[in-house]
Amino acid sequence: MSKAILFVDRDGTLCKEPHDFKVDALDKILLVENVIPSLLRIKNAGFSFVTVTDQDGLGTASYPRQGFGICQNFLVELFRSQGISFETV
């Protein structure tokens, strides 16, 4: 049996894209309007979720991995608290 999976881009789809295009601090996280109820409807339609994200400059001095990890973990836990889990990133 096949499984329905929705691949979701993180920045600009789950959370708003900040002015510098780097979600590297918790105060830069702002969810896209209605994203949680929308994902719950999709989940109830039988879909699983995978997050995809392309982080230009990740691991450089201007975008350390630590900032990305803190924000990514926060978002994963936030969505999980609302009944939305991602199979992988």
Protein backbone atom coordinates (compact mmCIF):
# COMPACT_ATOMS: atom_id res chain seq x y z
CA MET A 1 0.00 0.00 0.00
CA SER A 2 1.38 3.42 -0.90
CA LYS A 3 1.60 6.25 1.58
CA ALA A 4 0.62 9.86 0.88
CA ILE A 5 3.44 12.22 1.85
CA LEU A 6 3.45 15.99 1.58
CA PHE A 7 6.90 17.55 1.24
CA VAL A 8 6.72 20.97 2.89
CA ASP A 9 9.30 23.74 2.56
CA ARG A 10 9.94 25.25 5.97
CA ASP A 11 10.76 28.92 5.34
CA GLY A 12 8.00 30.78 3.57
CA THR A 13 5.53 27.89 3.94
CA LEU A 14 5.54 26.91 7.62
CA CYS A 15 7.15 30.06 8.98
CA LYS A 16 7.53 33.46 7.40
CA GLU A 17 10.80 34.25 5.66
CA PRO A 18 12.68 36.91 7.68
CA HIS A 19 14.22 39.94 5.98
CA ASP A 20 17.69 38.36 5.97
CA PHE A 21 16.38 34.95 4.81
CA LYS A 22 17.85 33.19 7.86
CA VAL A 23 15.69 31.67 10.59
CA ASP A 24 18.60 31.54 13.01
CA ALA A 25 17.06 32.94 16.21
CA LEU A 26 13.83 32.18 18.03
CA ASP A 27 12.65 35.79 17.76
CA LYS A 28 12.64 35.41 13.96
CA ILE A 29 10.07 32.60 14.01
CA LEU A 30 6.62 33.70 12.93
CA LEU A 31 4.26 31.06 11.62
CA VAL A 32 2.46 31.55 8.33
CA GLU A 33 -1.18 32.43 9.00
CA ASN A 34 -3.46 29.37 9.31
CA VAL A 35 -0.60 26.91 8.81
CA ILE A 36 -1.56 24.70 11.76
CA PRO A 37 -5.26 24.28 10.88
CA SER A 38 -4.30 23.76 7.24
CA LEU A 39 -1.79 21.03 8.07
CA LEU A 40 -4.30 19.36 10.39
CA ARG A 41 -6.83 19.20 7.53
CA ILE A 42 -4.17 17.68 5.27
CA LYS A 43 -3.20 15.21 8.00
CA ASN A 44 -6.85 14.23 8.44
CA ALA A 45 -6.98 13.56 4.69
CA GLY A 46 -4.36 10.86 5.24
CA PHE A 47 -1.07 12.60 4.54
CA SER A 48 2.22 12.34 6.40
CA PHE A 49 4.71 15.21 6.36
CA VAL A 50 8.36 15.66 5.48
CA THR A 51 10.04 19.05 5.89
CA VAL A 52 12.48 20.21 3.25
CA THR A 53 14.65 23.27 3.64
CA ASP A 54 17.52 24.81 1.76
CA GLN A 55 19.60 27.03 3.98
CA ASP A 56 22.04 29.10 1.95
CA GLY A 57 25.24 29.57 3.92
CA LEU A 58 24.40 27.07 6.66
CA GLY A 59 27.52 26.25 8.64
CA THR A 60 29.28 29.50 7.80
CA ALA A 61 30.22 32.28 10.22
CA SER A 62 27.14 34.25 9.17
CA TYR A 63 24.79 31.27 9.66
CA PRO A 64 26.12 28.83 12.27
CA ARG A 65 24.52 25.38 12.53
CA GLN A 66 23.71 25.97 16.19
CA GLY A 67 21.22 28.76 15.40
CA PHE A 68 19.57 26.62 12.75
CA GLY A 69 19.31 23.64 15.09
CA ILE A 70 17.75 25.62 17.91
CA CYS A 71 15.10 27.05 15.59
CA GLN A 72 14.49 23.76 13.79
CA ASN A 73 14.01 21.86 17.05
CA PHE A 74 11.68 24.57 18.37
CA LEU A 75 9.53 24.39 15.22
CA VAL A 76 9.39 20.58 15.27
CA GLU A 77 8.26 20.62 18.91
CA LEU A 78 5.78 23.44 18.33
CA PHE A 79 4.09 21.56 15.50
CA ARG A 80 4.21 18.28 17.47
CA SER A 81 2.40 20.01 20.35
CA GLN A 82 -0.40 20.77 17.90
CA GLY A 83 -0.66 17.19 16.60
CA ILE A 84 1.54 17.63 13.54
CA SER A 85 4.68 15.56 13.22
CA PHE A 86 7.27 15.37 10.47
CA GLU A 87 8.69 12.01 9.50
CA THR A 88 12.05 13.55 8.65
CA VAL A 89 13.75 16.76 7.64
